[in-house]
Amino acid sequence: MLLQNTTGELKQPKINAGRPTKIKDMDVFKHFVQTTEFSQVKDLIPLFEQKFGYPILYSTLLKAIHRLGWTRKKRVFSISKPIK
């Protein structure tokens, strides 16, 4: 059979490639990250698993936080000598 006869179009249906995201709802995750106090991403893992009820990897959380536009904490070093 022709594709046009079965689907009514000549375009092939789009197949999602790649792995599905582990985080089900990014809007809820964004709210969770903004309201939860944490200093490192590894501190967020048990809190995430407790709230959402499924396990997650560190790398998955890190990628999701980067997708939200958050960056790593930059360390500020104090200078003992005054700047001239």
N, C-alpha and C. Protein backbone atom coordinates (compact mmCIF):
# COMPACT_ATOMS: atom_id res chain seq x y z
N MET A 1 0.83 -1.19 0.00
CA MET A 1 0.00 0.00 0.00
C MET A 1 0.87 1.25 0.00
N LEU A 2 0.35 2.27 -0.53
CA LEU A 2 1.04 3.54 -0.54
C LEU A 2 0.86 4.26 0.80
N LEU A 3 1.84 5.04 1.15
CA LEU A 3 1.78 5.80 2.39
C LEU A 3 0.63 6.80 2.37
N GLN A 4 0.36 7.35 1.21
CA GLN A 4 -0.71 8.34 1.08
C GLN A 4 -2.07 7.69 1.31
N ASN A 5 -2.23 6.45 0.92
CA ASN A 5 -3.51 5.77 1.12
C ASN A 5 -3.75 5.43 2.59
N THR A 6 -2.69 5.10 3.33
CA THR A 6 -2.87 4.71 4.73
C THR A 6 -2.96 5.91 5.67
N THR A 7 -2.11 6.93 5.46
CA THR A 7 -2.08 8.06 6.38
C THR A 7 -2.72 9.32 5.82
N GLY A 8 -2.89 9.40 4.53
CA GLY A 8 -3.45 10.59 3.91
C GLY A 8 -2.40 11.64 3.58
N GLU A 9 -1.14 11.36 3.90
CA GLU A 9 -0.05 12.29 3.62
C GLU A 9 1.12 11.52 3.02
N LEU A 10 2.00 12.26 2.40
CA LEU A 10 3.20 11.63 1.86
C LEU A 10 4.37 11.68 2.83
N LYS A 11 4.22 12.41 3.93
CA LYS A 11 5.30 12.52 4.91
C LYS A 11 5.29 11.29 5.82
N GLN A 12 6.49 10.84 6.15
CA GLN A 12 6.62 9.72 7.08
C GLN A 12 6.39 10.23 8.49
N PRO A 13 5.80 9.42 9.37
CA PRO A 13 5.63 9.87 10.76
C PRO A 13 6.98 10.04 11.43
N LYS A 14 7.10 11.08 12.26
CA LYS A 14 8.35 11.38 12.95
C LYS A 14 8.54 10.40 14.09
N ILE A 15 9.72 9.82 14.14
CA ILE A 15 10.06 8.87 15.20
C ILE A 15 11.04 9.58 16.13
N ASN A 16 10.73 9.61 17.42
CA ASN A 16 11.61 10.26 18.39
C ASN A 16 12.87 9.42 18.55
N ALA A 17 14.00 10.01 18.30
CA ALA A 17 15.27 9.32 18.44
C ALA A 17 15.90 9.67 19.78
N GLY A 18 16.70 8.78 20.29
CA GLY A 18 17.40 9.03 21.54
C GLY A 18 16.62 8.52 22.74
N ARG A 19 17.23 8.66 23.87
CA ARG A 19 16.62 8.19 25.11
C ARG A 19 15.62 9.22 25.62
N PRO A 20 14.54 8.76 26.21
CA PRO A 20 13.61 9.72 26.82
C PRO A 20 14.21 10.31 28.08
N THR A 21 13.79 11.50 28.41
CA THR A 21 14.32 12.15 29.61
C THR A 21 13.83 11.43 30.86
N LYS A 22 14.66 11.37 31.84
CA LYS A 22 14.31 10.68 33.08
C LYS A 22 13.38 11.52 33.94
N ILE A 23 13.48 12.83 33.83
CA ILE A 23 12.62 13.72 34.60
C ILE A 23 11.32 13.90 33.83
N LYS A 24 10.24 13.50 34.45
CA LYS A 24 8.94 13.46 33.76
C LYS A 24 8.38 14.84 33.46
N ASP A 25 8.42 15.75 34.44
CA ASP A 25 7.82 17.07 34.26
C ASP A 25 8.84 18.14 34.62
N MET A 26 9.34 18.83 33.61
CA MET A 26 10.39 19.82 33.84
C MET A 26 9.88 21.05 34.59
N ASP A 27 8.61 21.40 34.44
CA ASP A 27 8.07 22.57 35.16
C ASP A 27 8.05 22.32 36.66
N VAL A 28 7.63 21.13 37.06
CA VAL A 28 7.60 20.78 38.48
C VAL A 28 9.04 20.69 39.01
N PHE A 29 9.94 20.14 38.19
CA PHE A 29 11.34 20.05 38.59
C PHE A 29 11.95 21.44 38.78
N LYS A 30 11.62 22.37 37.89
CA LYS A 30 12.14 23.73 38.00
C LYS A 30 11.67 24.38 39.29
N HIS A 31 10.40 24.21 39.63
CA HIS A 31 9.87 24.75 40.88
C HIS A 31 10.55 24.10 42.08
N PHE A 32 10.79 22.79 41.99
CA PHE A 32 11.46 22.05 43.06
C PHE A 32 12.87 22.57 43.30
N VAL A 33 13.61 22.83 42.23
CA VAL A 33 14.99 23.31 42.36
C VAL A 33 15.01 24.73 42.93
N GLN A 34 14.06 25.56 42.52
CA GLN A 34 14.04 26.93 43.00
C GLN A 34 13.64 27.03 44.47
N THR A 35 12.81 26.13 44.96
CA THR A 35 12.34 26.21 46.34
C THR A 35 13.17 25.39 47.32
N THR A 36 14.02 24.48 46.83
CA THR A 36 14.82 23.64 47.70
C THR A 36 16.20 24.25 47.89
N GLU A 37 16.65 24.30 49.13
CA GLU A 37 17.97 24.83 49.42
C GLU A 37 18.99 23.70 49.34
N PHE A 38 20.03 23.90 48.53
CA PHE A 38 21.10 22.92 48.41
C PHE A 38 22.36 23.66 47.99
N SER A 39 23.51 23.07 48.33
CA SER A 39 24.77 23.70 47.96
C SER A 39 25.45 22.96 46.81
N GLN A 40 25.19 21.65 46.70
CA GLN A 40 25.77 20.85 45.63
C GLN A 40 24.67 19.98 45.03
N VAL A 41 24.87 19.54 43.81
CA VAL A 41 23.87 18.72 43.14
C VAL A 41 23.72 17.38 43.83
N LYS A 42 24.81 16.85 44.38
CA LYS A 42 24.72 15.55 45.06
C LYS A 42 23.84 15.62 46.31
N ASP A 43 23.67 16.80 46.89
CA ASP A 43 22.76 16.96 48.02
C ASP A 43 21.30 16.89 47.57
N LEU A 44 21.07 17.12 46.30
CA LEU A 44 19.72 17.17 45.75
C LEU A 44 19.17 15.78 45.42
N ILE A 45 20.04 14.79 45.27
CA ILE A 45 19.61 13.44 44.85
C ILE A 45 18.62 12.82 45.83
N PRO A 46 18.93 12.70 47.14
CA PRO A 46 17.94 12.07 48.03
C PRO A 46 16.65 12.89 48.16
N LEU A 47 16.77 14.22 48.08
CA LEU A 47 15.57 15.05 48.16
C LEU A 47 14.67 14.84 46.94
N PHE A 48 15.30 14.70 45.76
CA PHE A 48 14.55 14.44 44.53
C PHE A 48 13.84 13.09 44.61
N GLU A 49 14.57 12.06 45.05
CA GLU A 49 14.00 10.72 45.13
C GLU A 49 12.87 10.66 46.15
N GLN A 50 12.97 11.42 47.23
CA GLN A 50 11.91 11.45 48.23
C GLN A 50 10.66 12.15 47.69
N LYS A 51 10.84 13.25 46.97
CA LYS A 51 9.70 14.02 46.48
C LYS A 51 9.02 13.34 45.30
N PHE A 52 9.80 12.88 44.31
CA PHE A 52 9.23 12.36 43.08
C PHE A 52 9.00 10.86 43.10
N GLY A 53 9.69 10.12 43.98
CA GLY A 53 9.41 8.71 44.16
C GLY A 53 10.11 7.78 43.19
N TYR A 54 11.08 8.24 42.44
CA TYR A 54 11.85 7.34 41.58
C TYR A 54 13.32 7.74 41.61
N PRO A 55 14.22 6.75 41.43
CA PRO A 55 15.65 7.05 41.52
C PRO A 55 16.15 7.85 40.32
N ILE A 56 17.21 8.60 40.54
CA ILE A 56 17.78 9.42 39.48
C ILE A 56 19.30 9.45 39.64
N LEU A 57 19.99 9.57 38.53
CA LEU A 57 21.44 9.63 38.55
C LEU A 57 21.92 11.07 38.73
N TYR A 58 23.14 11.20 39.23
CA TYR A 58 23.76 12.52 39.41
C TYR A 58 23.88 13.22 38.06
N SER A 59 24.31 12.49 37.03
CA SER A 59 24.52 13.11 35.72
C SER A 59 23.21 13.61 35.12
N THR A 60 22.12 12.89 35.37
CA THR A 60 20.81 13.32 34.87
C THR A 60 20.38 14.61 35.54
N LEU A 61 20.57 14.69 36.84
CA LEU A 61 20.23 15.93 37.56
C LEU A 61 21.09 17.09 37.10
N LEU A 62 22.37 16.85 36.89
CA LEU A 62 23.28 17.90 36.46
C LEU A 62 22.88 18.44 35.09
N LYS A 63 22.55 17.53 34.16
CA LYS A 63 22.13 17.96 32.82
C LYS A 63 20.82 18.75 32.88
N ALA A 64 19.90 18.32 33.73
CA ALA A 64 18.61 19.01 33.84
C ALA A 64 18.80 20.41 34.43
N ILE A 65 19.69 20.55 35.40
CA ILE A 65 19.95 21.85 36.00
C ILE A 65 20.62 22.77 34.98
N HIS A 66 21.50 22.22 34.16
CA HIS A 66 22.13 23.02 33.10
C HIS A 66 21.09 23.45 32.06
N ARG A 67 20.13 22.58 31.77
CA ARG A 67 19.06 22.94 30.83
C ARG A 67 18.21 24.08 31.35
N LEU A 68 18.10 24.17 32.68
CA LEU A 68 17.34 25.27 33.28
C LEU A 68 18.12 26.58 33.26
N GLY A 69 19.40 26.51 32.94
CA GLY A 69 20.21 27.72 32.86
C GLY A 69 21.04 27.99 34.10
N TRP A 70 21.05 27.06 35.03
CA TRP A 70 21.86 27.22 36.24
C TRP A 70 23.28 26.79 35.92
N THR A 71 24.26 27.47 36.53
CA THR A 71 25.66 27.12 36.33
C THR A 71 26.27 26.71 37.66
N ARG A 72 27.47 26.20 37.57
CA ARG A 72 28.17 25.81 38.80
C ARG A 72 28.60 27.03 39.59
N LYS A 73 28.74 26.82 40.87
CA LYS A 73 29.13 27.90 41.76
C LYS A 73 30.58 28.28 41.49
N LYS A 74 30.83 29.54 41.31
CA LYS A 74 32.18 30.03 41.10
C LYS A 74 32.76 30.42 42.46
N ARG A 75 33.96 30.00 42.72
CA ARG A 75 34.59 30.34 43.98
C ARG A 75 35.27 31.69 43.87
N VAL A 76 35.10 32.48 44.88
CA VAL A 76 35.73 33.80 44.93
C VAL A 76 36.85 33.73 45.96
N PHE A 77 38.07 33.99 45.51
CA PHE A 77 39.21 33.94 46.40
C PHE A 77 39.49 35.34 46.92
N SER A 78 39.74 35.43 48.20
CA SER A 78 40.07 36.73 48.75
C SER A 78 41.55 37.01 48.54
N ILE A 79 41.86 38.24 48.31
CA ILE A 79 43.24 38.65 48.07
C ILE A 79 43.76 39.30 49.33
N SER A 80 44.91 38.81 49.81
CA SER A 80 45.44 39.36 51.06
C SER A 80 46.12 40.71 50.83
N LYS A 81 46.66 40.93 49.64
CA LYS A 81 47.32 42.20 49.36
C LYS A 81 46.33 43.14 48.68
N PRO A 82 46.36 44.41 49.03
CA PRO A 82 45.48 45.36 48.35
C PRO A 82 45.91 45.55 46.89
N ILE A 83 44.95 45.80 46.05
CA ILE A 83 45.21 46.03 44.63
C ILE A 83 45.64 47.47 44.44
N LYS A 84 46.71 47.66 43.67
CA LYS A 84 47.23 49.02 43.44
C LYS A 84 46.60 49.64 42.23
